[in-house]
Amino acid sequence: GCGFVELTLPDADPQQRRDLERSK
């Protein structure tokens, strides 16, 4: 029942995921 936005990015640097996970 809650709205979310999903952003799908191409496979790239694994550092991106770590950086995004640290972001609030």
mmCIF file of all heavy atoms, coordinates in Angstrom:
data_MODEL
# 
_entry.id   MODEL 
# 
loop_
_atom_site.group_PDB 
_atom_site.id 
_atom_site.type_symbol 
_atom_site.label_atom_id 
_atom_site.label_alt_id 
_atom_site.label_comp_id 
_atom_site.label_asym_id 
_atom_site.label_entity_id 
_atom_site.label_seq_id 
_atom_site.pdbx_PDB_ins_code 
_atom_site.Cartn_x 
_atom_site.Cartn_y 
_atom_site.Cartn_z 
_atom_site.occupancy 
_atom_site.B_iso_or_equiv 
_atom_site.pdbx_formal_charge 
_atom_site.auth_seq_id 
_atom_site.auth_comp_id 
_atom_site.auth_asym_id 
_atom_site.auth_atom_id 
_atom_site.pdbx_PDB_model_num 
ATOM 1   N N   . GLY A 1 1  ? 0.776  -1.232 0.000   1.00 0.00 ? 1  GLY A N   1 
ATOM 2   C CA  . GLY A 1 1  ? 0.000  0.000  0.000   1.00 0.00 ? 1  GLY A CA  1 
ATOM 3   C C   . GLY A 1 1  ? 0.806  1.280  0.000   1.00 0.00 ? 1  GLY A C   1 
ATOM 4   O O   . GLY A 1 1  ? 0.243  2.357  0.054   1.00 0.00 ? 1  GLY A O   1 
ATOM 5   N N   . CYS A 1 2  ? 2.140  1.172  -0.063  1.00 0.00 ? 2  CYS A N   1 
ATOM 6   C CA  . CYS A 1 2  ? 3.006  2.356  -0.064  1.00 0.00 ? 2  CYS A CA  1 
ATOM 7   C C   . CYS A 1 2  ? 3.663  2.509  -1.426  1.00 0.00 ? 2  CYS A C   1 
ATOM 8   O O   . CYS A 1 2  ? 4.003  1.523  -2.075  1.00 0.00 ? 2  CYS A O   1 
ATOM 9   C CB  . CYS A 1 2  ? 4.100  2.222  1.000   1.00 0.00 ? 2  CYS A CB  1 
ATOM 10  S SG  . CYS A 1 2  ? 3.451  2.126  2.662   1.00 0.00 ? 2  CYS A SG  1 
ATOM 11  N N   . GLY A 1 3  ? 3.843  3.753  -1.859  1.00 0.00 ? 3  GLY A N   1 
ATOM 12  C CA  . GLY A 1 3  ? 4.463  4.033  -3.145  1.00 0.00 ? 3  GLY A CA  1 
ATOM 13  C C   . GLY A 1 3  ? 5.974  4.125  -3.051  1.00 0.00 ? 3  GLY A C   1 
ATOM 14  O O   . GLY A 1 3  ? 6.503  4.758  -2.141  1.00 0.00 ? 3  GLY A O   1 
ATOM 15  N N   . PHE A 1 4  ? 6.659  3.483  -3.970  1.00 0.00 ? 4  PHE A N   1 
ATOM 16  C CA  . PHE A 1 4  ? 8.116  3.507  -4.048  1.00 0.00 ? 4  PHE A CA  1 
ATOM 17  C C   . PHE A 1 4  ? 8.530  3.789  -5.480  1.00 0.00 ? 4  PHE A C   1 
ATOM 18  O O   . PHE A 1 4  ? 7.743  3.597  -6.404  1.00 0.00 ? 4  PHE A O   1 
ATOM 19  C CB  . PHE A 1 4  ? 8.713  2.150  -3.633  1.00 0.00 ? 4  PHE A CB  1 
ATOM 20  C CG  . PHE A 1 4  ? 8.508  1.814  -2.195  1.00 0.00 ? 4  PHE A CG  1 
ATOM 21  C CD1 . PHE A 1 4  ? 7.378  1.125  -1.792  1.00 0.00 ? 4  PHE A CD1 1 
ATOM 22  C CD2 . PHE A 1 4  ? 9.452  2.172  -1.240  1.00 0.00 ? 4  PHE A CD2 1 
ATOM 23  C CE1 . PHE A 1 4  ? 7.187  0.802  -0.458  1.00 0.00 ? 4  PHE A CE1 1 
ATOM 24  C CE2 . PHE A 1 4  ? 9.266  1.856  0.095   1.00 0.00 ? 4  PHE A CE2 1 
ATOM 25  C CZ  . PHE A 1 4  ? 8.125  1.168  0.485   1.00 0.00 ? 4  PHE A CZ  1 
ATOM 26  N N   . VAL A 1 5  ? 9.755  4.211  -5.671  1.00 0.00 ? 5  VAL A N   1 
ATOM 27  C CA  . VAL A 1 5  ? 10.331 4.397  -6.994  1.00 0.00 ? 5  VAL A CA  1 
ATOM 28  C C   . VAL A 1 5  ? 11.481 3.412  -7.125  1.00 0.00 ? 5  VAL A C   1 
ATOM 29  O O   . VAL A 1 5  ? 12.350 3.343  -6.261  1.00 0.00 ? 5  VAL A O   1 
ATOM 30  C CB  . VAL A 1 5  ? 10.857 5.833  -7.192  1.00 0.00 ? 5  VAL A CB  1 
ATOM 31  C CG1 . VAL A 1 5  ? 11.508 5.980  -8.548  1.00 0.00 ? 5  VAL A CG1 1 
ATOM 32  C CG2 . VAL A 1 5  ? 9.734  6.838  -7.029  1.00 0.00 ? 5  VAL A CG2 1 
ATOM 33  N N   . GLU A 1 6  ? 11.460 2.621  -8.198  1.00 0.00 ? 6  GLU A N   1 
ATOM 34  C CA  . GLU A 1 6  ? 12.540 1.671  -8.480  1.00 0.00 ? 6  GLU A CA  1 
ATOM 35  C C   . GLU A 1 6  ? 13.373 2.203  -9.637  1.00 0.00 ? 6  GLU A C   1 
ATOM 36  O O   . GLU A 1 6  ? 12.845 2.505  -10.696 1.00 0.00 ? 6  GLU A O   1 
ATOM 37  C CB  . GLU A 1 6  ? 11.962 0.315  -8.868  1.00 0.00 ? 6  GLU A CB  1 
ATOM 38  C CG  . GLU A 1 6  ? 12.227 -0.726 -7.848  1.00 0.00 ? 6  GLU A CG  1 
ATOM 39  C CD  . GLU A 1 6  ? 11.743 -2.107 -8.263  1.00 0.00 ? 6  GLU A CD  1 
ATOM 40  O OE1 . GLU A 1 6  ? 11.617 -2.416 -9.456  1.00 0.00 ? 6  GLU A OE1 1 
ATOM 41  O OE2 . GLU A 1 6  ? 11.494 -2.877 -7.334  1.00 0.00 ? 6  GLU A OE2 1 
ATOM 42  N N   . LEU A 1 7  ? 14.653 2.314  -9.405  1.00 0.00 ? 7  LEU A N   1 
ATOM 43  C CA  . LEU A 1 7  ? 15.599 2.755  -10.421 1.00 0.00 ? 7  LEU A CA  1 
ATOM 44  C C   . LEU A 1 7  ? 16.509 1.580  -10.726 1.00 0.00 ? 7  LEU A C   1 
ATOM 45  O O   . LEU A 1 7  ? 17.176 1.058  -9.823  1.00 0.00 ? 7  LEU A O   1 
ATOM 46  C CB  . LEU A 1 7  ? 16.417 3.939  -9.902  1.00 0.00 ? 7  LEU A CB  1 
ATOM 47  C CG  . LEU A 1 7  ? 17.497 4.495  -10.804 1.00 0.00 ? 7  LEU A CG  1 
ATOM 48  C CD1 . LEU A 1 7  ? 16.892 5.073  -12.076 1.00 0.00 ? 7  LEU A CD1 1 
ATOM 49  C CD2 . LEU A 1 7  ? 18.307 5.560  -10.083 1.00 0.00 ? 7  LEU A CD2 1 
ATOM 50  N N   . THR A 1 8  ? 16.508 1.121  -11.980 1.00 0.00 ? 8  THR A N   1 
ATOM 51  C CA  . THR A 1 8  ? 17.336 -0.011 -12.381 1.00 0.00 ? 8  THR A CA  1 
ATOM 52  C C   . THR A 1 8  ? 18.494 0.509  -13.216 1.00 0.00 ? 8  THR A C   1 
ATOM 53  O O   . THR A 1 8  ? 18.296 1.115  -14.262 1.00 0.00 ? 8  THR A O   1 
ATOM 54  C CB  . THR A 1 8  ? 16.521 -1.042 -13.187 1.00 0.00 ? 8  THR A CB  1 
ATOM 55  O OG1 . THR A 1 8  ? 15.391 -1.444 -12.408 1.00 0.00 ? 8  THR A OG1 1 
ATOM 56  C CG2 . THR A 1 8  ? 17.367 -2.259 -13.519 1.00 0.00 ? 8  THR A CG2 1 
ATOM 57  N N   . LEU A 1 9  ? 19.711 0.273  -12.714 1.00 0.00 ? 9  LEU A N   1 
ATOM 58  C CA  . LEU A 1 9  ? 20.941 0.743  -13.343 1.00 0.00 ? 9  LEU A CA  1 
ATOM 59  C C   . LEU A 1 9  ? 21.671 -0.426 -13.984 1.00 0.00 ? 9  LEU A C   1 
ATOM 60  O O   . LEU A 1 9  ? 21.602 -1.551 -13.488 1.00 0.00 ? 9  LEU A O   1 
ATOM 61  C CB  . LEU A 1 9  ? 21.853 1.389  -12.292 1.00 0.00 ? 9  LEU A CB  1 
ATOM 62  C CG  . LEU A 1 9  ? 21.222 2.524  -11.486 1.00 0.00 ? 9  LEU A CG  1 
ATOM 63  C CD1 . LEU A 1 9  ? 22.103 2.884  -10.302 1.00 0.00 ? 9  LEU A CD1 1 
ATOM 64  C CD2 . LEU A 1 9  ? 20.989 3.716  -12.372 1.00 0.00 ? 9  LEU A CD2 1 
ATOM 65  N N   . PRO A 1 10 ? 22.414 -0.168 -15.056 1.00 0.00 ? 10 PRO A N   1 
ATOM 66  C CA  . PRO A 1 10 ? 23.153 -1.257 -15.701 1.00 0.00 ? 10 PRO A CA  1 
ATOM 67  C C   . PRO A 1 10 ? 24.234 -1.814 -14.779 1.00 0.00 ? 10 PRO A C   1 
ATOM 68  O O   . PRO A 1 10 ? 24.676 -1.137 -13.853 1.00 0.00 ? 10 PRO A O   1 
ATOM 69  C CB  . PRO A 1 10 ? 23.764 -0.603 -16.930 1.00 0.00 ? 10 PRO A CB  1 
ATOM 70  C CG  . PRO A 1 10 ? 23.799 0.847  -16.615 1.00 0.00 ? 10 PRO A CG  1 
ATOM 71  C CD  . PRO A 1 10 ? 22.664 1.114  -15.683 1.00 0.00 ? 10 PRO A CD  1 
ATOM 72  N N   . ASP A 1 11 ? 24.643 -3.048 -15.049 1.00 0.00 ? 11 ASP A N   1 
ATOM 73  C CA  . ASP A 1 11 ? 25.737 -3.662 -14.300 1.00 0.00 ? 11 ASP A CA  1 
ATOM 74  C C   . ASP A 1 11 ? 26.974 -2.782 -14.436 1.00 0.00 ? 11 ASP A C   1 
ATOM 75  O O   . ASP A 1 11 ? 27.369 -2.414 -15.528 1.00 0.00 ? 11 ASP A O   1 
ATOM 76  C CB  . ASP A 1 11 ? 26.016 -5.061 -14.847 1.00 0.00 ? 11 ASP A CB  1 
ATOM 77  C CG  . ASP A 1 11 ? 27.031 -5.810 -14.013 1.00 0.00 ? 11 ASP A CG  1 
ATOM 78  O OD1 . ASP A 1 11 ? 27.309 -5.386 -12.878 1.00 0.00 ? 11 ASP A OD1 1 
ATOM 79  O OD2 . ASP A 1 11 ? 27.545 -6.827 -14.494 1.00 0.00 ? 11 ASP A OD2 1 
ATOM 80  N N   . ALA A 1 12 ? 27.545 -2.421 -13.319 1.00 0.00 ? 12 ALA A N   1 
ATOM 81  C CA  . ALA A 1 12 ? 28.708 -1.524 -13.350 1.00 0.00 ? 12 ALA A CA  1 
ATOM 82  C C   . ALA A 1 12 ? 29.569 -1.781 -12.127 1.00 0.00 ? 12 ALA A C   1 
ATOM 83  O O   . ALA A 1 12 ? 29.502 -2.845 -11.528 1.00 0.00 ? 12 ALA A O   1 
ATOM 84  C CB  . ALA A 1 12 ? 28.239 -0.080 -13.405 1.00 0.00 ? 12 ALA A CB  1 
ATOM 85  N N   . ASP A 1 13 ? 30.332 -0.820 -11.758 1.00 0.00 ? 13 ASP A N   1 
ATOM 86  C CA  . ASP A 1 13 ? 31.268 -0.897 -10.646 1.00 0.00 ? 13 ASP A CA  1 
ATOM 87  C C   . ASP A 1 13 ? 30.576 -1.356 -9.359  1.00 0.00 ? 13 ASP A C   1 
ATOM 88  O O   . ASP A 1 13 ? 29.597 -0.747 -8.932  1.00 0.00 ? 13 ASP A O   1 
ATOM 89  C CB  . ASP A 1 13 ? 31.887 0.489  -10.447 1.00 0.00 ? 13 ASP A CB  1 
ATOM 90  C CG  . ASP A 1 13 ? 32.943 0.534  -9.364  1.00 0.00 ? 13 ASP A CG  1 
ATOM 91  O OD1 . ASP A 1 13 ? 33.200 -0.490 -8.709  1.00 0.00 ? 13 ASP A OD1 1 
ATOM 92  O OD2 . ASP A 1 13 ? 33.511 1.616  -9.175  1.00 0.00 ? 13 ASP A OD2 1 
ATOM 93  N N   . PRO A 1 14 ? 31.066 -2.417 -8.719  1.00 0.00 ? 14 PRO A N   1 
ATOM 94  C CA  . PRO A 1 14 ? 30.476 -2.880 -7.460  1.00 0.00 ? 14 PRO A CA  1 
ATOM 95  C C   . PRO A 1 14 ? 30.535 -1.819 -6.360  1.00 0.00 ? 14 PRO A C   1 
ATOM 96  O O   . PRO A 1 14 ? 29.754 -1.860 -5.422  1.00 0.00 ? 14 PRO A O   1 
ATOM 97  C CB  . PRO A 1 14 ? 31.324 -4.094 -7.076  1.00 0.00 ? 14 PRO A CB  1 
ATOM 98  C CG  . PRO A 1 14 ? 32.002 -4.514 -8.322  1.00 0.00 ? 14 PRO A CG  1 
ATOM 99  C CD  . PRO A 1 14 ? 32.120 -3.302 -9.176  1.00 0.00 ? 14 PRO A CD  1 
ATOM 100 N N   . GLN A 1 15 ? 31.422 -0.854 -6.521  1.00 0.00 ? 15 GLN A N   1 
ATOM 101 C CA  . GLN A 1 15 ? 31.526 0.221  -5.527  1.00 0.00 ? 15 GLN A CA  1 
ATOM 102 C C   . GLN A 1 15 ? 30.237 1.050  -5.499  1.00 0.00 ? 15 GLN A C   1 
ATOM 103 O O   . GLN A 1 15 ? 29.864 1.572  -4.455  1.00 0.00 ? 15 GLN A O   1 
ATOM 104 C CB  . GLN A 1 15 ? 32.734 1.119  -5.829  1.00 0.00 ? 15 GLN A CB  1 
ATOM 105 C CG  . GLN A 1 15 ? 33.003 2.155  -4.764  1.00 0.00 ? 15 GLN A CG  1 
ATOM 106 C CD  . GLN A 1 15 ? 33.357 1.545  -3.423  1.00 0.00 ? 15 GLN A CD  1 
ATOM 107 O OE1 . GLN A 1 15 ? 34.064 0.538  -3.354  1.00 0.00 ? 15 GLN A OE1 1 
ATOM 108 N NE2 . GLN A 1 15 ? 32.855 2.134  -2.360  1.00 0.00 ? 15 GLN A NE2 1 
ATOM 109 N N   . GLN A 1 16 ? 29.542 1.147  -6.637  1.00 0.00 ? 16 GLN A N   1 
ATOM 110 C CA  . GLN A 1 16 ? 28.278 1.894  -6.687  1.00 0.00 ? 16 GLN A CA  1 
ATOM 111 C C   . GLN A 1 16 ? 27.292 1.367  -5.662  1.00 0.00 ? 16 GLN A C   1 
ATOM 112 O O   . GLN A 1 16 ? 26.672 2.135  -4.941  1.00 0.00 ? 16 GLN A O   1 
ATOM 113 C CB  . GLN A 1 16 ? 27.631 1.794  -8.064  1.00 0.00 ? 16 GLN A CB  1 
ATOM 114 C CG  . GLN A 1 16 ? 28.289 2.596  -9.120  1.00 0.00 ? 16 GLN A CG  1 
ATOM 115 C CD  . GLN A 1 16 ? 27.637 2.342  -10.472 1.00 0.00 ? 16 GLN A CD  1 
ATOM 116 O OE1 . GLN A 1 16 ? 26.889 1.384  -10.665 1.00 0.00 ? 16 GLN A OE1 1 
ATOM 117 N NE2 . GLN A 1 16 ? 27.934 3.209  -11.420 1.00 0.00 ? 16 GLN A NE2 1 
ATOM 118 N N   . ARG A 1 17 ? 27.150 0.057  -5.616  1.00 0.00 ? 17 ARG A N   1 
ATOM 119 C CA  . ARG A 1 17 ? 26.188 -0.529 -4.675  1.00 0.00 ? 17 ARG A CA  1 
ATOM 120 C C   . ARG A 1 17 ? 26.586 -0.222 -3.240  1.00 0.00 ? 17 ARG A C   1 
ATOM 121 O O   . ARG A 1 17 ? 25.757 0.171  -2.436  1.00 0.00 ? 17 ARG A O   1 
ATOM 122 C CB  . ARG A 1 17 ? 26.086 -2.039 -4.885  1.00 0.00 ? 17 ARG A CB  1 
ATOM 123 C CG  . ARG A 1 17 ? 25.070 -2.672 -3.971  1.00 0.00 ? 17 ARG A CG  1 
ATOM 124 C CD  . ARG A 1 17 ? 24.919 -4.136 -4.247  1.00 0.00 ? 17 ARG A CD  1 
ATOM 125 N NE  . ARG A 1 17 ? 23.892 -4.697 -3.380  1.00 0.00 ? 17 ARG A NE  1 
ATOM 126 C CZ  . ARG A 1 17 ? 23.534 -5.941 -3.398  1.00 0.00 ? 17 ARG A CZ  1 
ATOM 127 N NH1 . ARG A 1 17 ? 24.058 -6.769 -4.253  1.00 0.00 ? 17 ARG A NH1 1 
ATOM 128 N NH2 . ARG A 1 17 ? 22.608 -6.374 -2.581  1.00 0.00 ? 17 ARG A NH2 1 
ATOM 129 N N   . ARG A 1 18 ? 27.865 -0.361 -2.945  1.00 0.00 ? 18 ARG A N   1 
ATOM 130 C CA  . ARG A 1 18 ? 28.312 -0.079 -1.583  1.00 0.00 ? 18 ARG A CA  1 
ATOM 131 C C   . ARG A 1 18 ? 28.082 1.388  -1.222  1.00 0.00 ? 18 ARG A C   1 
ATOM 132 O O   . ARG A 1 18 ? 27.621 1.695  -0.130  1.00 0.00 ? 18 ARG A O   1 
ATOM 133 C CB  . ARG A 1 18 ? 29.777 -0.461 -1.419  1.00 0.00 ? 18 ARG A CB  1 
ATOM 134 C CG  . ARG A 1 18 ? 29.999 -1.972 -1.441  1.00 0.00 ? 18 ARG A CG  1 
ATOM 135 C CD  . ARG A 1 18 ? 31.428 -2.353 -1.085  1.00 0.00 ? 18 ARG A CD  1 
ATOM 136 N NE  . ARG A 1 18 ? 32.376 -2.030 -2.149  1.00 0.00 ? 18 ARG A NE  1 
ATOM 137 C CZ  . ARG A 1 18 ? 32.645 -2.804 -3.184  1.00 0.00 ? 18 ARG A CZ  1 
ATOM 138 N NH1 . ARG A 1 18 ? 32.019 -3.965 -3.322  1.00 0.00 ? 18 ARG A NH1 1 
ATOM 139 N NH2 . ARG A 1 18 ? 33.537 -2.452 -4.087  1.00 0.00 ? 18 ARG A NH2 1 
ATOM 140 N N   . ASP A 1 19 ? 28.378 2.290  -2.160  1.00 0.00 ? 19 ASP A N   1 
ATOM 141 C CA  . ASP A 1 19 ? 28.162 3.713  -1.906  1.00 0.00 ? 19 ASP A CA  1 
ATOM 142 C C   . ASP A 1 19 ? 26.680 4.019  -1.702  1.00 0.00 ? 19 ASP A C   1 
ATOM 143 O O   . ASP A 1 19 ? 26.317 4.776  -0.805  1.00 0.00 ? 19 ASP A O   1 
ATOM 144 C CB  . ASP A 1 19 ? 28.709 4.560  -3.062  1.00 0.00 ? 19 ASP A CB  1 
ATOM 145 C CG  . ASP A 1 19 ? 30.227 4.557  -3.119  1.00 0.00 ? 19 ASP A CG  1 
ATOM 146 O OD1 . ASP A 1 19 ? 30.877 4.142  -2.125  1.00 0.00 ? 19 ASP A OD1 1 
ATOM 147 O OD2 . ASP A 1 19 ? 30.768 4.954  -4.169  1.00 0.00 ? 19 ASP A OD2 1 
ATOM 148 N N   . LEU A 1 20 ? 25.823 3.434  -2.539  1.00 0.00 ? 20 LEU A N   1 
ATOM 149 C CA  . LEU A 1 20 ? 24.391 3.669  -2.406  1.00 0.00 ? 20 LEU A CA  1 
ATOM 150 C C   . LEU A 1 20 ? 23.840 3.081  -1.114  1.00 0.00 ? 20 LEU A C   1 
ATOM 151 O O   . LEU A 1 20 ? 22.979 3.685  -0.471  1.00 0.00 ? 20 LEU A O   1 
ATOM 152 C CB  . LEU A 1 20 ? 23.640 3.090  -3.602  1.00 0.00 ? 20 LEU A CB  1 
ATOM 153 C CG  . LEU A 1 20 ? 23.737 3.910  -4.871  1.00 0.00 ? 20 LEU A CG  1 
ATOM 154 C CD1 . LEU A 1 20 ? 23.234 3.106  -6.060  1.00 0.00 ? 20 LEU A CD1 1 
ATOM 155 C CD2 . LEU A 1 20 ? 22.978 5.205  -4.740  1.00 0.00 ? 20 LEU A CD2 1 
ATOM 156 N N   . GLU A 1 21 ? 24.329 1.910  -0.716  1.00 0.00 ? 21 GLU A N   1 
ATOM 157 C CA  . GLU A 1 21 ? 23.851 1.292  0.519   1.00 0.00 ? 21 GLU A CA  1 
ATOM 158 C C   . GLU A 1 21 ? 24.185 2.133  1.741   1.00 0.00 ? 21 GLU A C   1 
ATOM 159 O O   . GLU A 1 21 ? 23.468 2.124  2.726   1.00 0.00 ? 21 GLU A O   1 
ATOM 160 C CB  . GLU A 1 21 ? 24.437 -0.113 0.663   1.00 0.00 ? 21 GLU A CB  1 
ATOM 161 C CG  . GLU A 1 21 ? 23.785 -1.104 -0.263  1.00 0.00 ? 21 GLU A CG  1 
ATOM 162 C CD  . GLU A 1 21 ? 24.448 -2.471 -0.212  1.00 0.00 ? 21 GLU A CD  1 
ATOM 163 O OE1 . GLU A 1 21 ? 25.627 -2.575 0.174   1.00 0.00 ? 21 GLU A OE1 1 
ATOM 164 O OE2 . GLU A 1 21 ? 23.775 -3.449 -0.597  1.00 0.00 ? 21 GLU A OE2 1 
ATOM 165 N N   . ARG A 1 22 ? 25.292 2.866  1.686   1.00 0.00 ? 22 ARG A N   1 
ATOM 166 C CA  . ARG A 1 22 ? 25.691 3.738  2.801   1.00 0.00 ? 22 ARG A CA  1 
ATOM 167 C C   . ARG A 1 22 ? 24.877 5.022  2.841   1.00 0.00 ? 22 ARG A C   1 
ATOM 168 O O   . ARG A 1 22 ? 24.826 5.688  3.849   1.00 0.00 ? 22 ARG A O   1 
ATOM 169 C CB  . ARG A 1 22 ? 27.173 4.072  2.706   1.00 0.00 ? 22 ARG A CB  1 
ATOM 170 C CG  . ARG A 1 22 ? 28.032 2.929  3.167   1.00 0.00 ? 22 ARG A CG  1 
ATOM 171 C CD  . ARG A 1 22 ? 29.489 3.319  3.184   1.00 0.00 ? 22 ARG A CD  1 
ATOM 172 N NE  . ARG A 1 22 ? 30.151 2.268  2.420   1.00 0.00 ? 22 ARG A NE  1 
ATOM 173 C CZ  . ARG A 1 22 ? 31.059 2.428  1.501   1.00 0.00 ? 22 ARG A CZ  1 
ATOM 174 N NH1 . ARG A 1 22 ? 31.513 3.603  1.218   1.00 0.00 ? 22 ARG A NH1 1 
ATOM 175 N NH2 . ARG A 1 22 ? 31.564 1.415  0.871   1.00 0.00 ? 22 ARG A NH2 1 
ATOM 176 N N   . SER A 1 23 ? 24.256 5.361  1.731   1.00 0.00 ? 23 SER A N   1 
ATOM 177 C CA  . SER A 1 23 ? 23.451 6.580  1.653   1.00 0.00 ? 23 SER A CA  1 
ATOM 178 C C   . SER A 1 23 ? 22.115 6.360  2.332   1.00 0.00 ? 23 SER A C   1 
ATOM 179 O O   . SER A 1 23 ? 21.561 5.282  2.283   1.00 0.00 ? 23 SER A O   1 
ATOM 180 C CB  . SER A 1 23 ? 23.166 6.956  0.205   1.00 0.00 ? 23 SER A CB  1 
ATOM 181 O OG  . SER A 1 23 ? 24.323 7.001  -0.535  1.00 0.00 ? 23 SER A OG  1 
ATOM 182 N N   . LYS A 1 24 ? 21.603 7.414  2.914   1.00 0.00 ? 24 LYS A N   1 
ATOM 183 C CA  . LYS A 1 24 ? 20.272 7.327  3.491   1.00 0.00 ? 24 LYS A CA  1 
ATOM 184 C C   . LYS A 1 24 ? 19.239 7.903  2.536   1.00 0.00 ? 24 LYS A C   1 
ATOM 185 O O   . LYS A 1 24 ? 18.068 7.577  2.612   1.00 0.00 ? 24 LYS A O   1 
ATOM 186 C CB  . LYS A 1 24 ? 20.237 8.073  4.813   1.00 0.00 ? 24 LYS A CB  1 
ATOM 187 C CG  . LYS A 1 24 ? 21.099 7.392  5.850   1.00 0.00 ? 24 LYS A CG  1 
ATOM 188 C CD  . LYS A 1 24 ? 20.953 8.056  7.186   1.00 0.00 ? 24 LYS A CD  1 
ATOM 189 C CE  . LYS A 1 24 ? 21.813 7.371  8.124   1.00 0.00 ? 24 LYS A CE  1 
ATOM 190 N NZ  . LYS A 1 24 ? 22.328 7.138  9.057   1.00 0.00 ? 24 LYS A NZ  1 
# 
